[in-house]
């Protein structure tokens, strides 16, 4: 598990302990398309909704970034399922996992933040949909807010709004 905000890590550990989950490792990295550093706002309280591409350079923390491809190679692991909830940095994360997608095709649950993608990363969500479809994934919108909860097939013509959870399977 990755968490970009060091202030959230203590809360995660408390939740893991309270739920007796002893097989989870928490890594303080920003997951992206490459190794390096990113800036996050240095807020007083933990914030699970940080946008890493913030223009606020006055008060920030520098956090190491890593790609999924690099991490799985270092650790010698093969993930079968990857959940991505990165507040608009979805495209960067997916670009950093092209090798694992091509070679191992893990199932992926990704929350696409339509507005944050556009505002903070100048990216249209359709590039994500196209990339996943071209990688051979079937994509379904998992609408957890609606009463019937029935998945909806997603293709290039599908209009997404707000924060949309999509499940990508081979």
C-alpha atoms as a PDB file:
ATOM      1  CA  UNK A   1       0.000   0.000   0.000  1.00  0.00           C
ATOM      2  CA  UNK A   2       1.220   3.469  -0.842  1.00  0.00           C
ATOM      3  CA  UNK A   3       0.372   6.692   0.976  1.00  0.00           C
ATOM      4  CA  UNK A   4       1.765  10.033  -0.172  1.00  0.00           C
ATOM      5  CA  UNK A   5       0.908  12.021   2.985  1.00  0.00           C
ATOM      6  CA  UNK A   6       3.208  11.017   5.871  1.00  0.00           C
ATOM      7  CA  UNK A   7       0.600  12.402   8.284  1.00  0.00           C
ATOM      8  CA  UNK A   8      -1.881   9.723   7.135  1.00  0.00           C
ATOM      9  CA  UNK A   9       0.450   6.794   7.743  1.00  0.00           C
ATOM     10  CA  UNK A  10      -0.103   6.723  11.505  1.00  0.00           C
ATOM     11  CA  UNK A  11      -3.883   6.619  10.931  1.00  0.00           C
ATOM     12  CA  UNK A  12      -3.475   3.784   8.442  1.00  0.00           C
ATOM     13  CA  UNK A  13      -1.403   1.800  10.937  1.00  0.00           C
ATOM     14  CA  UNK A  14      -4.063   2.347  13.622  1.00  0.00           C
ATOM     15  CA  UNK A  15      -6.767   1.065  11.256  1.00  0.00           C
ATOM     16  CA  UNK A  16      -4.677  -1.936  10.247  1.00  0.00           C
ATOM     17  CA  UNK A  17      -4.090  -2.822  13.893  1.00  0.00           C
ATOM     18  CA  UNK A  18      -7.744  -2.297  14.861  1.00  0.00           C
ATOM     19  CA  UNK A  19      -8.786  -4.626  12.048  1.00  0.00           C
ATOM     20  CA  UNK A  20      -6.048  -7.159  12.789  1.00  0.00           C
ATOM     21  CA  UNK A  21      -4.556  -6.828   9.316  1.00  0.00           C
ATOM     22  CA  UNK A  22      -0.964  -7.943   9.781  1.00  0.00           C
ATOM     23  CA  UNK A  23      -0.063  -8.603   6.153  1.00  0.00           C
ATOM     24  CA  UNK A  24      -0.185  -5.007   4.856  1.00  0.00           C
ATOM     25  CA  UNK A  25       2.912  -2.900   4.281  1.00  0.00           C
ATOM     26  CA  UNK A  26       2.564   0.880   3.986  1.00  0.00           C
ATOM     27  CA  UNK A  27       5.073   2.767   1.838  1.00  0.00           C
ATOM     28  CA  UNK A  28       5.430   6.559   1.907  1.00  0.00           C
ATOM     29  CA  UNK A  29       5.782   7.189  -1.829  1.00  0.00           C
ATOM     30  CA  UNK A  30       3.949   9.158  -4.435  1.00  0.00           C
ATOM     31  CA  UNK A  31       3.145   6.651  -7.158  1.00  0.00           C
ATOM     32  CA  UNK A  32       3.791   8.174 -10.559  1.00  0.00           C
ATOM     33  CA  UNK A  33       5.358   7.422 -13.927  1.00  0.00           C
ATOM     34  CA  UNK A  34       8.958   7.704 -12.739  1.00  0.00           C
ATOM     35  CA  UNK A  35      11.335   7.873  -9.824  1.00  0.00           C
ATOM     36  CA  UNK A  36      11.956  11.349  -8.462  1.00  0.00           C
ATOM     37  CA  UNK A  37      10.304  13.722  -6.028  1.00  0.00           C
ATOM     38  CA  UNK A  38       7.003  15.532  -5.990  1.00  0.00           C
ATOM     39  CA  UNK A  39       5.637  18.331  -3.852  1.00  0.00           C
ATOM     40  CA  UNK A  40       2.544  17.983  -1.700  1.00  0.00           C
ATOM     41  CA  UNK A  41       0.911  20.672   0.404  1.00  0.00           C
ATOM     42  CA  UNK A  42       2.227  20.585   3.966  1.00  0.00           C
ATOM     43  CA  UNK A  43      -1.077  20.687   5.773  1.00  0.00           C
ATOM     44  CA  UNK A  44      -1.550  20.669   9.535  1.00  0.00           C
ATOM     45  CA  UNK A  45      -3.819  17.608   9.555  1.00  0.00           C
ATOM     46  CA  UNK A  46      -3.757  14.356   7.582  1.00  0.00           C
ATOM     47  CA  UNK A  47      -5.498  14.718   4.245  1.00  0.00           C
ATOM     48  CA  UNK A  48      -6.358  11.638   2.155  1.00  0.00           C
ATOM     49  CA  UNK A  49      -7.439  13.892  -0.747  1.00  0.00           C
ATOM     50  CA  UNK A  50      -4.166  15.644  -1.531  1.00  0.00           C
ATOM     51  CA  UNK A  51      -3.566  16.725  -5.092  1.00  0.00           C
ATOM     52  CA  UNK A  52       0.142  16.231  -5.803  1.00  0.00           C
ATOM     53  CA  UNK A  53       0.317  18.690  -8.683  1.00  0.00           C
ATOM     54  CA  UNK A  54      -0.473  21.667  -6.459  1.00  0.00           C
ATOM     55  CA  UNK A  55       0.615  25.193  -7.385  1.00  0.00           C
ATOM     56  CA  UNK A  56       1.110  26.044  -3.707  1.00  0.00           C
ATOM     57  CA  UNK A  57       4.914  26.302  -3.459  1.00  0.00           C
ATOM     58  CA  UNK A  58       4.893  28.301  -0.219  1.00  0.00           C
ATOM     59  CA  UNK A  59       4.425  25.436   2.250  1.00  0.00           C
ATOM     60  CA  UNK A  60       5.127  21.969   0.875  1.00  0.00           C
ATOM     61  CA  UNK A  61       6.814  18.650   1.558  1.00  0.00           C
ATOM     62  CA  UNK A  62       8.951  16.817  -0.971  1.00  0.00           C
ATOM     63  CA  UNK A  63       8.051  13.136  -1.233  1.00  0.00           C
ATOM     64  CA  UNK A  64       9.855  10.443  -3.210  1.00  0.00           C
ATOM     65  CA  UNK A  65       7.979   9.152  -6.218  1.00  0.00           C
ATOM     66  CA  UNK A  66       8.183   5.677  -7.697  1.00  0.00           C
ATOM     67  CA  UNK A  67       6.510   3.834 -10.563  1.00  0.00           C
ATOM     68  CA  UNK A  68       4.580   0.609 -10.039  1.00  0.00           C
ATOM     69  CA  UNK A  69       6.845  -1.098 -12.584  1.00  0.00           C
ATOM     70  CA  UNK A  70       9.941  -0.083 -10.632  1.00  0.00           C
ATOM     71  CA  UNK A  71       8.435  -1.072  -7.268  1.00  0.00           C
ATOM     72  CA  UNK A  72       7.298  -4.545  -8.378  1.00  0.00           C
ATOM     73  CA  UNK A  73      10.726  -5.177  -9.956  1.00  0.00           C
ATOM     74  CA  UNK A  74      12.512  -4.120  -6.739  1.00  0.00           C
ATOM     75  CA  UNK A  75      10.232  -6.229  -4.551  1.00  0.00           C
ATOM     76  CA  UNK A  76      10.041  -9.232  -6.891  1.00  0.00           C
ATOM     77  CA  UNK A  77       6.242  -9.333  -6.687  1.00  0.00           C
ATOM     78  CA  UNK A  78       3.446  -9.802  -9.201  1.00  0.00           C
ATOM     79  CA  UNK A  79       0.261  -7.980  -8.208  1.00  0.00           C
ATOM     80  CA  UNK A  80      -2.988  -9.551  -9.348  1.00  0.00           C
ATOM     81  CA  UNK A  81      -5.130  -6.586  -8.297  1.00  0.00           C
ATOM     82  CA  UNK A  82      -4.236  -2.881  -8.139  1.00  0.00           C
ATOM     83  CA  UNK A  83      -6.448  -0.137  -6.723  1.00  0.00           C
ATOM     84  CA  UNK A  84      -5.676   3.416  -7.816  1.00  0.00           C
ATOM     85  CA  UNK A  85      -7.126   6.432  -6.015  1.00  0.00           C
ATOM     86  CA  UNK A  86      -4.722   9.297  -6.590  1.00  0.00           C
ATOM     87  CA  UNK A  87      -6.874  12.421  -6.851  1.00  0.00           C
ATOM     88  CA  UNK A  88      -6.237  13.169 -10.521  1.00  0.00           C
ATOM     89  CA  UNK A  89      -2.802  11.593 -11.064  1.00  0.00           C
ATOM     90  CA  UNK A  90      -4.325   8.431 -12.558  1.00  0.00           C
ATOM     91  CA  UNK A  91      -2.650   8.870 -15.932  1.00  0.00           C
ATOM     92  CA  UNK A  92       0.824   9.222 -14.393  1.00  0.00           C
ATOM     93  CA  UNK A  93       0.303   6.070 -12.316  1.00  0.00           C
ATOM     94  CA  UNK A  94      -0.904   4.065 -15.331  1.00  0.00           C
ATOM     95  CA  UNK A  95       2.038   5.287 -17.427  1.00  0.00           C
ATOM     96  CA  UNK A  96       4.318   3.993 -14.675  1.00  0.00           C
ATOM     97  CA  UNK A  97       2.811   0.518 -14.812  1.00  0.00           C
ATOM     98  CA  UNK A  98       2.809  -0.179 -18.554  1.00  0.00           C
ATOM     99  CA  UNK A  99       5.183  -3.128 -18.174  1.00  0.00           C
ATOM    100  CA  UNK A 100       3.155  -4.912 -15.482  1.00  0.00           C
ATOM    101  CA  UNK A 101      -0.031  -4.279 -17.479  1.00  0.00           C
ATOM    102  CA  UNK A 102       1.517  -5.680 -20.679  1.00  0.00           C
ATOM    103  CA  UNK A 103       3.147  -8.690 -19.031  1.00  0.00           C
ATOM    104  CA  UNK A 104       0.801  -9.658 -16.181  1.00  0.00           C
ATOM    105  CA  UNK A 105      -2.573  -7.950 -16.826  1.00  0.00           C
ATOM    106  CA  UNK A 106      -3.581  -7.369 -13.202  1.00  0.00           C
ATOM    107  CA  UNK A 107      -7.189  -6.424 -12.515  1.00  0.00           C
ATOM    108  CA  UNK A 108      -7.359  -2.694 -11.823  1.00  0.00           C
ATOM    109  CA  UNK A 109      -9.881  -0.665  -9.839  1.00  0.00           C
ATOM    110  CA  UNK A 110      -9.298   3.008 -10.557  1.00  0.00           C
ATOM    111  CA  UNK A 111     -11.179   6.053  -9.350  1.00  0.00           C
ATOM    112  CA  UNK A 112     -11.086   8.504 -12.227  1.00  0.00           C
ATOM    113  CA  UNK A 113     -11.244  12.103 -11.015  1.00  0.00           C
ATOM    114  CA  UNK A 114     -12.553  13.729 -14.181  1.00  0.00           C
ATOM    115  CA  UNK A 115     -12.269  17.371 -13.065  1.00  0.00           C
ATOM    116  CA  UNK A 116      -8.967  17.021 -11.176  1.00  0.00           C
ATOM    117  CA  UNK A 117      -7.405  15.278 -14.191  1.00  0.00           C
ATOM    118  CA  UNK A 118      -8.294  18.248 -16.346  1.00  0.00           C
ATOM    119  CA  UNK A 119      -7.592  21.043 -13.834  1.00  0.00           C
ATOM    120  CA  UNK A 120      -4.416  19.797 -12.164  1.00  0.00           C
ATOM    121  CA  UNK A 121      -2.873  17.559 -14.822  1.00  0.00           C
ATOM    122  CA  UNK A 122      -4.262  18.904 -18.127  1.00  0.00           C
ATOM    123  CA  UNK A 123      -5.416  15.375 -18.996  1.00  0.00           C
ATOM    124  CA  UNK A 124      -8.709  14.139 -20.392  1.00  0.00           C
ATOM    125  CA  UNK A 125     -10.053  10.946 -18.840  1.00  0.00           C
ATOM    126  CA  UNK A 126     -10.641   9.505 -22.322  1.00  0.00           C
ATOM    127  CA  UNK A 127      -6.890   8.933 -22.718  1.00  0.00           C
ATOM    128  CA  UNK A 128      -7.104   6.582 -19.725  1.00  0.00           C
ATOM    129  CA  UNK A 129     -10.087   4.729 -21.162  1.00  0.00           C
ATOM    130  CA  UNK A 130      -8.369   4.408 -24.553  1.00  0.00           C
ATOM    131  CA  UNK A 131      -5.139   3.157 -22.970  1.00  0.00           C
ATOM    132  CA  UNK A 132      -6.940   0.504 -20.907  1.00  0.00           C
ATOM    133  CA  UNK A 133      -9.087  -0.650 -23.831  1.00  0.00           C
ATOM    134  CA  UNK A 134      -5.997  -0.904 -26.055  1.00  0.00           C
ATOM    135  CA  UNK A 135      -4.318  -2.987 -23.327  1.00  0.00           C
ATOM    136  CA  UNK A 136      -7.180  -5.493 -23.671  1.00  0.00           C
ATOM    137  CA  UNK A 137      -9.206  -4.576 -20.612  1.00  0.00           C
ATOM    138  CA  UNK A 138     -12.978  -4.699 -20.341  1.00  0.00           C
ATOM    139  CA  UNK A 139     -14.022  -1.644 -18.345  1.00  0.00           C
ATOM    140  CA  UNK A 140     -17.109  -1.306 -16.162  1.00  0.00           C
ATOM    141  CA  UNK A 141     -18.236   1.679 -14.168  1.00  0.00           C
ATOM    142  CA  UNK A 142     -18.894   0.607 -10.598  1.00  0.00           C
ATOM    143  CA  UNK A 143     -21.337   3.209  -9.315  1.00  0.00           C
ATOM    144  CA  UNK A 144     -21.307   2.756  -5.573  1.00  0.00           C
ATOM    145  CA  UNK A 145     -23.602   5.742  -5.036  1.00  0.00           C
ATOM    146  CA  UNK A 146     -26.545   4.483  -7.033  1.00  0.00           C
ATOM    147  CA  UNK A 147     -29.235   2.287  -5.549  1.00  0.00           C
ATOM    148  CA  UNK A 148     -29.118  -0.607  -7.992  1.00  0.00           C
ATOM    149  CA  UNK A 149     -25.320  -0.784  -8.128  1.00  0.00           C
ATOM    150  CA  UNK A 150     -25.348  -2.430 -11.559  1.00  0.00           C
ATOM    151  CA  UNK A 151     -22.062  -2.041 -13.454  1.00  0.00           C
ATOM    152  CA  UNK A 152     -22.147  -0.129 -16.743  1.00  0.00           C
ATOM    153  CA  UNK A 153     -19.851  -0.969 -19.651  1.00  0.00           C
ATOM    154  CA  UNK A 154     -17.396   1.844 -20.416  1.00  0.00           C
ATOM    155  CA  UNK A 155     -16.034   2.567 -23.878  1.00  0.00           C
ATOM    156  CA  UNK A 156     -14.663   5.625 -25.690  1.00  0.00           C
ATOM    157  CA  UNK A 157     -18.152   7.093 -26.078  1.00  0.00           C
ATOM    158  CA  UNK A 158     -19.007   6.829 -22.370  1.00  0.00           C
ATOM    159  CA  UNK A 159     -19.374  10.153 -20.598  1.00  0.00           C
ATOM    160  CA  UNK A 160     -17.905  10.139 -17.093  1.00  0.00           C
ATOM    161  CA  UNK A 161     -18.491  12.829 -14.478  1.00  0.00           C
ATOM    162  CA  UNK A 162     -17.060  13.671 -11.076  1.00  0.00           C
ATOM    163  CA  UNK A 163     -15.236  10.801  -9.399  1.00  0.00           C
ATOM    164  CA  UNK A 164     -16.014   7.543 -11.157  1.00  0.00           C
ATOM    165  CA  UNK A 165     -14.848   4.125 -10.035  1.00  0.00           C
ATOM    166  CA  UNK A 166     -14.058   1.764 -12.918  1.00  0.00           C
ATOM    167  CA  UNK A 167     -13.132  -1.901 -12.762  1.00  0.00           C
ATOM    168  CA  UNK A 168     -10.765  -3.115 -15.480  1.00  0.00           C
ATOM    169  CA  UNK A 169     -10.504  -6.850 -16.111  1.00  0.00           C
ATOM    170  CA  UNK A 170      -8.956  -9.013 -18.821  1.00  0.00           C
END
